[in-house]
Amino acid sequence: MSTFAVFGMTEAHAKQMAQRLKPKYLPKQQRWETQAEYEARAAEVAEKYLDSERAVQVSPLFDAPQFCDQFMDLARRAGRSRSLTIRRRETRVINEGKKQCRRTTWHEYP
């Protein structure tokens, strides 16, 4: 079972998240933004993601922490990155009344 992943932020992941933005309609000018304006806005948003303190999962799930270390080395060589850490997944079964729910939490791996 895969229980380890790398959390943090890399430049590539920030750009990928920024590309999900939709083109904006500019009501004062009554037009859609141009491709150059969209790319500039996406670059600004990617920088904000890279500078923020939010940590997201940037790697797939791995079976052992040494694979996470290898992923972190590659991510550091590929471009800018910040606060890359290894976390392990824990799933708990919680009884809520008559129902049983599964709750997944991530914990720092030493």
C-alpha atoms as a PDB file:
ATOM      1  CA  MET A   1       0.000   0.000   0.000  1.00  0.00           C
ATOM      2  CA  SER A   2       1.371   3.400  -0.961  1.00  0.00           C
ATOM      3  CA  THR A   3       1.534   5.623   2.074  1.00  0.00           C
ATOM      4  CA  PHE A   4       4.218   8.258   1.435  1.00  0.00           C
ATOM      5  CA  ALA A   5       4.138  11.445  -0.638  1.00  0.00           C
ATOM      6  CA  VAL A   6       6.095  14.685  -1.041  1.00  0.00           C
ATOM      7  CA  PHE A   7       4.348  17.900  -0.040  1.00  0.00           C
ATOM      8  CA  GLY A   8       5.469  21.477  -0.705  1.00  0.00           C
ATOM      9  CA  MET A   9       5.547  23.508  -3.906  1.00  0.00           C
ATOM     10  CA  THR A  10       7.625  23.343  -7.062  1.00  0.00           C
ATOM     11  CA  GLU A  11       7.813  25.800  -9.923  1.00  0.00           C
ATOM     12  CA  ALA A  12       6.379  23.272 -12.374  1.00  0.00           C
ATOM     13  CA  HIS A  13       3.432  22.464 -10.091  1.00  0.00           C
ATOM     14  CA  ALA A  14       2.711  26.176  -9.517  1.00  0.00           C
ATOM     15  CA  LYS A  15       2.648  26.806 -13.277  1.00  0.00           C
ATOM     16  CA  GLN A  16       0.380  23.801 -13.769  1.00  0.00           C
ATOM     17  CA  MET A  17      -2.038  25.121 -11.141  1.00  0.00           C
ATOM     18  CA  ALA A  18      -1.976  28.608 -12.717  1.00  0.00           C
ATOM     19  CA  GLN A  19      -2.807  27.198 -16.163  1.00  0.00           C
ATOM     20  CA  ARG A  20      -6.182  26.072 -14.773  1.00  0.00           C
ATOM     21  CA  LEU A  21      -7.303  29.716 -14.728  1.00  0.00           C
ATOM     22  CA  LYS A  22      -9.966  30.652 -17.219  1.00  0.00           C
ATOM     23  CA  PRO A  23      -9.619  33.659 -19.541  1.00  0.00           C
ATOM     24  CA  LYS A  24     -11.159  36.790 -18.074  1.00  0.00           C
ATOM     25  CA  TYR A  25     -13.766  39.012 -19.665  1.00  0.00           C
ATOM     26  CA  LEU A  26     -12.868  42.690 -19.256  1.00  0.00           C
ATOM     27  CA  PRO A  27     -16.246  44.480 -18.908  1.00  0.00           C
ATOM     28  CA  LYS A  28     -14.891  48.044 -19.047  1.00  0.00           C
ATOM     29  CA  GLN A  29     -13.194  47.346 -22.372  1.00  0.00           C
ATOM     30  CA  GLN A  30     -15.921  44.931 -23.521  1.00  0.00           C
ATOM     31  CA  ARG A  31     -13.499  42.252 -24.671  1.00  0.00           C
ATOM     32  CA  TRP A  32     -11.807  39.062 -23.574  1.00  0.00           C
ATOM     33  CA  GLU A  33      -8.205  39.280 -22.449  1.00  0.00           C
ATOM     34  CA  THR A  34      -5.578  38.510 -25.087  1.00  0.00           C
ATOM     35  CA  GLN A  35      -3.285  35.501 -25.000  1.00  0.00           C
ATOM     36  CA  ALA A  36      -0.348  37.676 -23.834  1.00  0.00           C
ATOM     37  CA  GLU A  37      -2.436  39.164 -21.003  1.00  0.00           C
ATOM     38  CA  TYR A  38      -3.607  35.706 -19.972  1.00  0.00           C
ATOM     39  CA  GLU A  39      -0.047  34.344 -19.897  1.00  0.00           C
ATOM     40  CA  ALA A  40       1.146  37.344 -17.857  1.00  0.00           C
ATOM     41  CA  ARG A  41      -1.681  36.848 -15.359  1.00  0.00           C
ATOM     42  CA  ALA A  42      -0.930  33.114 -15.144  1.00  0.00           C
ATOM     43  CA  ALA A  43       2.761  33.878 -14.480  1.00  0.00           C
ATOM     44  CA  GLU A  44       1.797  36.287 -11.664  1.00  0.00           C
ATOM     45  CA  VAL A  45      -0.509  33.701 -10.096  1.00  0.00           C
ATOM     46  CA  ALA A  46       2.197  31.031 -10.348  1.00  0.00           C
ATOM     47  CA  GLU A  47       4.594  33.336  -8.466  1.00  0.00           C
ATOM     48  CA  LYS A  48       1.973  33.864  -5.757  1.00  0.00           C
ATOM     49  CA  TYR A  49       1.542  30.100  -5.418  1.00  0.00           C
ATOM     50  CA  LEU A  50       5.307  29.660  -5.162  1.00  0.00           C
ATOM     51  CA  ASP A  51       5.621  32.397  -2.514  1.00  0.00           C
ATOM     52  CA  SER A  52       2.648  31.298  -0.392  1.00  0.00           C
ATOM     53  CA  GLU A  53       3.051  29.000   2.572  1.00  0.00           C
ATOM     54  CA  ARG A  54       0.463  26.480   1.447  1.00  0.00           C
ATOM     55  CA  ALA A  55       1.834  22.971   0.952  1.00  0.00           C
ATOM     56  CA  VAL A  56       0.196  20.677  -1.579  1.00  0.00           C
ATOM     57  CA  GLN A  57       0.967  17.145  -2.691  1.00  0.00           C
ATOM     58  CA  VAL A  58       3.447  17.429  -5.568  1.00  0.00           C
ATOM     59  CA  SER A  59       4.341  13.772  -6.040  1.00  0.00           C
ATOM     60  CA  PRO A  60       2.464  10.552  -6.645  1.00  0.00           C
ATOM     61  CA  LEU A  61       2.148   8.090  -3.774  1.00  0.00           C
ATOM     62  CA  PHE A  62       5.226   5.989  -3.006  1.00  0.00           C
ATOM     63  CA  ASP A  63       5.719   2.759  -1.063  1.00  0.00           C
ATOM     64  CA  ALA A  64       8.859   3.827   0.797  1.00  0.00           C
ATOM     65  CA  PRO A  65      10.353   7.137   1.960  1.00  0.00           C
ATOM     66  CA  GLN A  66      13.600   6.652  -0.004  1.00  0.00           C
ATOM     67  CA  PHE A  67      11.596   7.063  -3.227  1.00  0.00           C
ATOM     68  CA  CYS A  68      10.308  10.367  -1.854  1.00  0.00           C
ATOM     69  CA  ASP A  69      13.912  11.432  -1.230  1.00  0.00           C
ATOM     70  CA  GLN A  70      14.766  10.658  -4.852  1.00  0.00           C
ATOM     71  CA  PHE A  71      11.752  12.653  -6.043  1.00  0.00           C
ATOM     72  CA  MET A  72      12.805  15.604  -3.859  1.00  0.00           C
ATOM     73  CA  ASP A  73      16.323  15.548  -5.322  1.00  0.00           C
ATOM     74  CA  LEU A  74      14.938  15.584  -8.862  1.00  0.00           C
ATOM     75  CA  ALA A  75      12.486  18.378  -8.031  1.00  0.00           C
ATOM     76  CA  ARG A  76      15.270  20.529  -6.562  1.00  0.00           C
ATOM     77  CA  ARG A  77      17.404  20.045  -9.668  1.00  0.00           C
ATOM     78  CA  ALA A  78      14.518  20.759 -12.066  1.00  0.00           C
ATOM     79  CA  GLY A  79      13.739  24.266 -10.825  1.00  0.00           C
ATOM     80  CA  ARG A  80      12.722  26.340  -7.856  1.00  0.00           C
ATOM     81  CA  SER A  81      10.993  24.598  -4.997  1.00  0.00           C
ATOM     82  CA  ARG A  82      10.071  25.390  -1.434  1.00  0.00           C
ATOM     83  CA  SER A  83       9.486  23.442   1.772  1.00  0.00           C
ATOM     84  CA  LEU A  84       9.559  19.941   0.334  1.00  0.00           C
ATOM     85  CA  THR A  85       8.714  17.451   3.070  1.00  0.00           C
ATOM     86  CA  ILE A  86       7.734  13.804   3.264  1.00  0.00           C
ATOM     87  CA  ARG A  87       4.390  12.943   4.793  1.00  0.00           C
ATOM     88  CA  ARG A  88       2.776   9.607   5.507  1.00  0.00           C
ATOM     89  CA  ARG A  89      -0.896   8.836   5.081  1.00  0.00           C
ATOM     90  CA  GLU A  90      -3.038   7.463   7.865  1.00  0.00           C
ATOM     91  CA  THR A  91      -6.636   6.326   7.407  1.00  0.00           C
ATOM     92  CA  ARG A  92      -8.888   5.976  10.420  1.00  0.00           C
ATOM     93  CA  VAL A  93     -12.358   4.502  10.732  1.00  0.00           C
ATOM     94  CA  ILE A  94     -14.587   6.842  12.722  1.00  0.00           C
ATOM     95  CA  ASN A  95     -18.022   5.965  14.065  1.00  0.00           C
ATOM     96  CA  GLU A  96     -20.487   8.809  13.529  1.00  0.00           C
ATOM     97  CA  GLY A  97     -23.759   7.621  14.982  1.00  0.00           C
ATOM     98  CA  LYS A  98     -24.727   4.482  13.102  1.00  0.00           C
ATOM     99  CA  LYS A  99     -22.394   5.185  10.195  1.00  0.00           C
ATOM    100  CA  GLN A 100     -18.725   4.388   9.816  1.00  0.00           C
ATOM    101  CA  CYS A 101     -16.613   6.924   7.956  1.00  0.00           C
ATOM    102  CA  ARG A 102     -13.013   6.771   6.815  1.00  0.00           C
ATOM    103  CA  ARG A 103     -10.921   9.852   7.425  1.00  0.00           C
ATOM    104  CA  THR A 104      -7.502  10.321   5.827  1.00  0.00           C
ATOM    105  CA  THR A 105      -4.878  12.506   7.485  1.00  0.00           C
ATOM    106  CA  TRP A 106      -1.272  13.270   6.558  1.00  0.00           C
ATOM    107  CA  HIS A 107       1.504  13.318   9.176  1.00  0.00           C
ATOM    108  CA  GLU A 108       5.080  14.528   8.889  1.00  0.00           C
ATOM    109  CA  TYR A 109       7.572  11.721   8.404  1.00  0.00           C
ATOM    110  CA  PRO A 110      10.799  12.142  10.386  1.00  0.00           C
END
